[in-house]
Protein backbone atom coordinates (compact mmCIF):
# COMPACT_ATOMS: atom_id res chain seq x y z
CA UNK A 1 -15.25 12.35 7.98
CA UNK A 2 -12.30 14.27 5.91
CA UNK A 3 -13.04 14.21 1.97
CA UNK A 4 -11.54 11.38 0.70
CA UNK A 5 -9.82 10.61 -2.71
CA UNK A 6 8.02 2.67 -12.40
CA UNK A 7 18.27 0.37 -20.55
CA UNK A 8 18.85 -3.12 -18.20
CA UNK A 9 18.84 -6.08 -20.22
CA UNK A 10 16.69 -8.59 -18.73
CA UNK A 11 18.09 -11.59 -18.33
CA UNK A 12 14.85 -13.32 -16.99
CA UNK A 13 11.68 -11.42 -17.03
CA UNK A 14 9.92 -12.45 -13.56
CA UNK A 15 9.06 -8.91 -12.26
CA UNK A 16 8.22 -5.57 -13.21
CA UNK A 17 9.15 -2.91 -10.49
CA UNK A 18 9.03 1.06 -11.00
CA UNK A 19 12.02 3.19 -10.00
CA UNK A 20 12.62 6.95 -9.19
CA UNK A 21 15.64 8.88 -8.90
CA UNK A 22 15.40 9.02 -5.40
CA UNK A 23 14.46 5.93 -4.20
CA UNK A 24 15.25 2.09 -5.69
CA UNK A 25 12.41 -0.09 -6.02
CA UNK A 26 8.64 1.35 -5.51
CA UNK A 27 6.01 -1.03 -4.43
CA UNK A 28 3.25 1.15 -5.35
CA UNK A 29 3.23 4.83 -6.18
CA UNK A 30 -0.30 5.25 -5.51
CA UNK A 31 -0.81 6.72 -9.24
CA UNK A 32 -3.50 4.41 -9.50
CA UNK A 33 -6.61 5.13 -7.85
CA UNK A 34 -9.17 2.75 -6.52
CA UNK A 35 -11.91 2.00 -8.61
CA UNK A 36 -15.56 3.64 -7.99
CA UNK A 37 -16.90 1.69 -5.23
CA UNK A 38 -19.92 -0.50 -6.77
CA UNK A 39 -21.83 -0.21 -3.82
CA UNK A 40 -22.05 3.50 -3.88
CA UNK A 41 -23.14 3.90 -7.57
CA UNK A 42 -24.64 7.23 -7.66
CA UNK A 43 -21.41 8.89 -6.22
CA UNK A 44 -19.21 6.91 -7.83
CA UNK A 45 -16.36 7.48 -4.98
CA UNK A 46 -13.29 5.48 -5.37
CA UNK A 47 -12.44 4.67 -1.96
CA UNK A 48 -13.00 1.65 0.42
CA UNK A 49 -15.01 2.08 3.27
CA UNK A 50 -16.57 0.30 6.50
CA UNK A 51 -19.32 1.50 8.49
CA UNK A 52 -22.44 3.62 7.17
CA UNK A 53 -21.76 6.20 4.58
CA UNK A 54 -23.94 8.11 1.97
CA UNK A 55 -24.13 7.81 -1.54
CA UNK A 56 -24.45 11.17 -2.53
CA UNK A 57 -23.76 14.34 -1.69
CA UNK A 58 -26.79 14.44 1.17
CA UNK A 59 -29.08 11.74 2.84
CA UNK A 60 -31.62 12.02 2.19
CA UNK A 61 -32.32 12.22 -0.71
CA UNK A 62 -28.92 9.90 -1.16
CA UNK A 63 -28.89 6.44 0.40
CA UNK A 64 -26.98 5.13 3.49
CA UNK A 65 -24.86 2.03 2.80
CA UNK A 66 -23.19 -0.19 5.20
CA UNK A 67 -20.03 -2.73 5.19
CA UNK A 68 -20.16 -4.00 8.71
CA UNK A 69 -17.29 -6.35 7.61
CA UNK A 70 -14.86 -5.55 5.39
CA UNK A 71 -14.52 -4.19 1.84
CA UNK A 72 -12.03 -4.45 -0.54
CA UNK A 73 -10.53 -3.12 -4.13
CA UNK A 74 -8.71 -5.92 -6.26
CA UNK A 75 -6.61 -4.61 -9.18
CA UNK A 76 -4.65 -5.90 -12.01
CA UNK A 77 -2.59 -4.52 -14.50
CA UNK A 78 -1.64 -1.42 -12.80
CA UNK A 79 1.44 0.81 -13.83
CA UNK A 80 3.72 1.79 -10.90
CA UNK A 81 2.79 -1.24 -8.88
CA UNK A 82 5.24 -4.28 -8.33
CA UNK A 83 4.20 -7.10 -10.06
CA UNK A 84 0.63 -4.96 -11.67
CA UNK A 85 -1.30 -6.63 -8.76
CA UNK A 86 -3.11 -4.93 -5.64
CA UNK A 87 -5.32 -6.04 -3.25
CA UNK A 88 -6.31 -3.81 -0.63
CA UNK A 89 -8.96 -4.11 2.05
CA UNK A 90 -10.34 -2.46 4.98
CA UNK A 91 -11.85 -3.78 7.87
CA UNK A 92 -14.75 -2.95 10.40
CA UNK A 93 -13.84 -2.41 14.05
CA UNK A 94 -16.09 0.37 14.99
CA UNK A 95 -17.57 3.06 13.42
CA UNK A 96 -16.92 4.38 10.08
CA UNK A 97 -13.79 4.49 8.23
CA UNK A 98 -12.28 4.84 4.56
CA UNK A 99 -9.43 4.85 2.36
CA UNK A 100 -8.81 6.60 -1.25
CA UNK A 101 -5.51 6.90 -3.36
CA UNK A 102 -4.95 10.13 -4.63
CA UNK A 103 -3.20 9.98 -7.93
CA UNK A 104 -2.75 13.87 -8.09
CA UNK A 105 -0.73 13.83 -5.03
CA UNK A 106 0.58 9.78 -5.26
CA UNK A 107 -0.76 9.54 -1.90
CA UNK A 108 -3.10 6.72 -0.09
CA UNK A 109 -5.53 8.05 2.78
CA UNK A 110 -6.96 6.37 5.58
CA UNK A 111 -9.73 8.23 7.57
CA UNK A 112 -11.71 7.54 10.56
CA UNK A 113 -14.89 9.49 11.77
CA UNK A 114 -15.27 10.37 15.59
CA UNK A 115 -14.69 7.17 17.79
CA UNK A 116 -14.17 4.88 14.50
CA UNK A 117 -11.41 2.08 14.27
CA UNK A 118 -10.61 0.20 11.49
CA UNK A 119 -7.54 -1.74 9.88
CA UNK A 120 -6.10 -1.56 6.43
CA UNK A 121 -4.27 -3.98 4.41
CA UNK A 122 -2.46 -3.47 0.94
CA UNK A 123 -1.11 -6.83 -0.49
CA UNK A 124 1.06 -7.38 -3.74
CA UNK A 125 1.89 -11.00 -5.15
CA UNK A 126 -1.40 -12.04 -3.62
CA UNK A 127 -1.83 -14.28 -6.76
CA UNK A 128 0.89 -14.20 -8.54
CA UNK A 129 4.63 -14.65 -7.45
CA UNK A 130 6.67 -11.43 -7.40
CA UNK A 131 10.11 -13.14 -8.10
CA UNK A 132 11.44 -10.02 -7.09
CA UNK A 133 15.29 -9.94 -6.42
CA UNK A 134 15.74 -6.26 -4.15
CA UNK A 135 19.37 -6.81 -3.65
CA UNK A 136 20.37 -6.88 -7.40
CA UNK A 137 19.54 -3.13 -6.73
CA UNK A 138 21.60 -2.99 -3.45
CA UNK A 139 18.69 -2.55 -1.23
CA UNK A 140 18.23 -2.87 2.48
CA UNK A 141 15.19 -1.72 3.62
CA UNK A 142 11.78 -0.88 2.81
CA UNK A 143 10.46 2.79 3.42
CA UNK A 144 7.31 3.98 4.41
CA UNK A 145 6.29 7.63 4.20
CA UNK A 146 3.65 9.56 6.61
CA UNK A 147 2.71 12.69 4.57
CA UNK A 148 0.18 13.86 7.01
CA UNK A 149 -1.75 12.64 10.11
CA UNK A 150 -2.77 13.32 13.74
CA UNK A 151 -1.37 10.07 15.44
CA UNK A 152 0.75 12.56 17.64
CA UNK A 153 -2.35 13.67 19.46
CA UNK A 154 -2.79 11.79 22.24
CA UNK A 155 -0.51 9.89 21.21
CA UNK A 156 -2.53 7.40 18.76
CA UNK A 157 0.12 5.43 17.57
CA UNK A 158 -0.95 3.44 14.57
CA UNK A 159 1.30 -0.20 14.23
CA UNK A 160 2.32 -0.88 10.51
CA UNK A 161 3.39 -4.12 9.64
CA UNK A 162 4.97 -5.31 6.85
CA UNK A 163 5.13 -8.96 5.85
CA UNK A 164 7.33 -10.92 3.19
CA UNK A 165 7.10 -13.99 1.72
CA UNK A 166 9.82 -15.35 -0.16
CA UNK A 167 10.18 -18.81 -2.36
CA UNK A 168 6.62 -19.24 -2.06
CA UNK A 169 5.77 -22.51 -2.54
CA UNK A 170 9.00 -24.46 -2.67
CA UNK A 171 11.16 -26.23 0.37
CA UNK A 172 13.03 -22.72 1.22
CA UNK A 173 9.85 -20.85 1.59
CA UNK A 174 9.77 -18.62 4.28
CA UNK A 175 7.53 -15.52 5.84
CA UNK A 176 8.71 -12.70 8.21
CA UNK A 177 7.00 -9.68 9.64
CA UNK A 178 8.38 -6.25 10.85
CA UNK A 179 6.38 -4.03 12.90
CA UNK A 180 6.84 -0.08 13.81
CA UNK A 181 4.46 2.40 15.39
CA UNK A 182 3.72 5.44 13.18
CA UNK A 183 3.11 8.47 14.98
CA UNK A 184 4.79 11.70 13.51
CA UNK A 185 4.96 12.50 9.84
CA UNK A 186 8.34 11.15 8.10
CA UNK A 187 10.12 8.23 6.67
CA UNK A 188 10.16 4.88 8.44
CA UNK A 189 12.76 2.46 7.79
CA UNK A 190 12.13 -1.10 7.86
CA UNK A 191 15.17 -3.13 7.62
CA UNK A 192 15.62 -6.32 5.88
CA UNK A 193 17.72 -7.95 8.70
CA UNK A 194 14.96 -7.60 10.48
CA UNK A 195 12.62 -10.19 8.23
CA UNK A 196 14.31 -13.21 9.75
CA UNK A 197 14.56 -16.05 7.21
CA UNK A 198 13.66 -14.30 4.15
CA UNK A 199 15.64 -14.37 0.76
CA UNK A 200 15.44 -10.90 -0.49
CA UNK A 201 16.72 -12.37 -3.97
CA UNK A 202 13.27 -14.07 -4.31
CA UNK A 203 10.40 -12.11 -2.90
CA UNK A 204 7.18 -13.29 -3.44
CA UNK A 205 4.39 -11.22 -1.85
CA UNK A 206 4.39 -8.23 0.26
CA UNK A 207 1.82 -6.88 2.59
CA UNK A 208 1.44 -3.74 4.53
CA UNK A 209 -1.08 -3.88 7.42
CA UNK A 210 -2.05 -0.45 8.77
CA UNK A 211 -3.72 -1.28 12.18
CA UNK A 212 -5.87 1.61 13.65
CA UNK A 213 -8.18 -0.82 15.74
CA UNK A 214 -6.91 -0.05 18.97
CA UNK A 215 -7.01 3.91 18.61
CA UNK A 216 -9.73 5.99 17.43
CA UNK A 217 -10.60 9.03 15.03
CA UNK A 218 -6.86 8.69 13.21
CA UNK A 219 -6.48 10.16 9.85
CA UNK A 220 -3.37 9.91 8.10
CA UNK A 221 -1.83 10.01 4.78
CA UNK A 222 1.39 8.24 3.22
CA UNK A 223 3.30 8.26 0.23
CA UNK A 224 4.63 5.93 -2.74
CA UNK A 225 5.86 2.58 -0.83
CA UNK A 226 9.34 2.15 -1.50
CA UNK A 227 12.98 0.54 -0.70
CA UNK A 228 16.23 2.30 -0.62
CA UNK A 229 19.16 1.22 -2.92
CA UNK A 230 20.29 2.31 -6.43
CA UNK A 231 18.64 4.26 -8.44
CA UNK A 232 18.16 3.56 -12.04
CA UNK A 233 18.88 6.14 -14.61
CA UNK A 234 15.46 7.11 -17.09
CA UNK A 235 15.91 7.13 -20.70
CA UNK A 236 13.64 7.70 -23.26
CA UNK A 237 13.79 4.42 -24.85
CA UNK A 238 12.90 2.95 -21.77
CA UNK A 239 9.47 4.12 -21.22
CA UNK A 240 10.89 6.90 -18.90
CA UNK A 241 11.16 5.37 -15.15
CA UNK A 242 9.84 1.70 -16.28
CA UNK A 243 12.18 -0.61 -15.59
CA UNK A 244 12.54 -4.39 -15.74
CA UNK A 245 14.26 -5.65 -12.47
CA UNK A 246 15.99 -8.66 -13.10
CA UNK A 247 17.29 -11.67 -11.35
């Protein structure tokens, strides 16, 4: 296995989203790593994993630790993350796999041992509604950027599904999903028009699912999760790239 590791006046402050000069809204800029895994106290590796891994530079003397169902990392108060809350979960299928976030490269990795398969989910707005208005910045799509990967060998496509819920808890609540196979490096566009019924002026929840359950041994890395839309100029008086998105 390979070695692993956001000045507009706010009318109603319902959400903080991060922006870049090249993109619209940033869902997650991957500047905040997962916390050290509590089941790996000796090494303190900031990963989530399934299967069996060594807590140390070698085993023995390190201990082998197993997760044969799932593993997760729930974080709040994060800068560069829509709503400040991220829940990441990796689900066991077979073999050993892990995921980590590398702040130095603003990237997330999803790696498998030989013969291994797993599923990775990233959730935003899990416990608190995002109330995100993407149309205020004229956004039309989400982007998933594959920085590197070996899915083309075989090929071994990894379906990526984005699930969006708007108006959660109201009579107008709607949920829709759209799936695209990740095969090569590059930017994949998930058009809002593919999410039938969703109100993109009131997005409350977003989930990304990377389903490597039907392929084996894939390793890949993705960059920040973003949308298109109007870039927002940065100012020293506005925390640099941090902007308030209003409805």
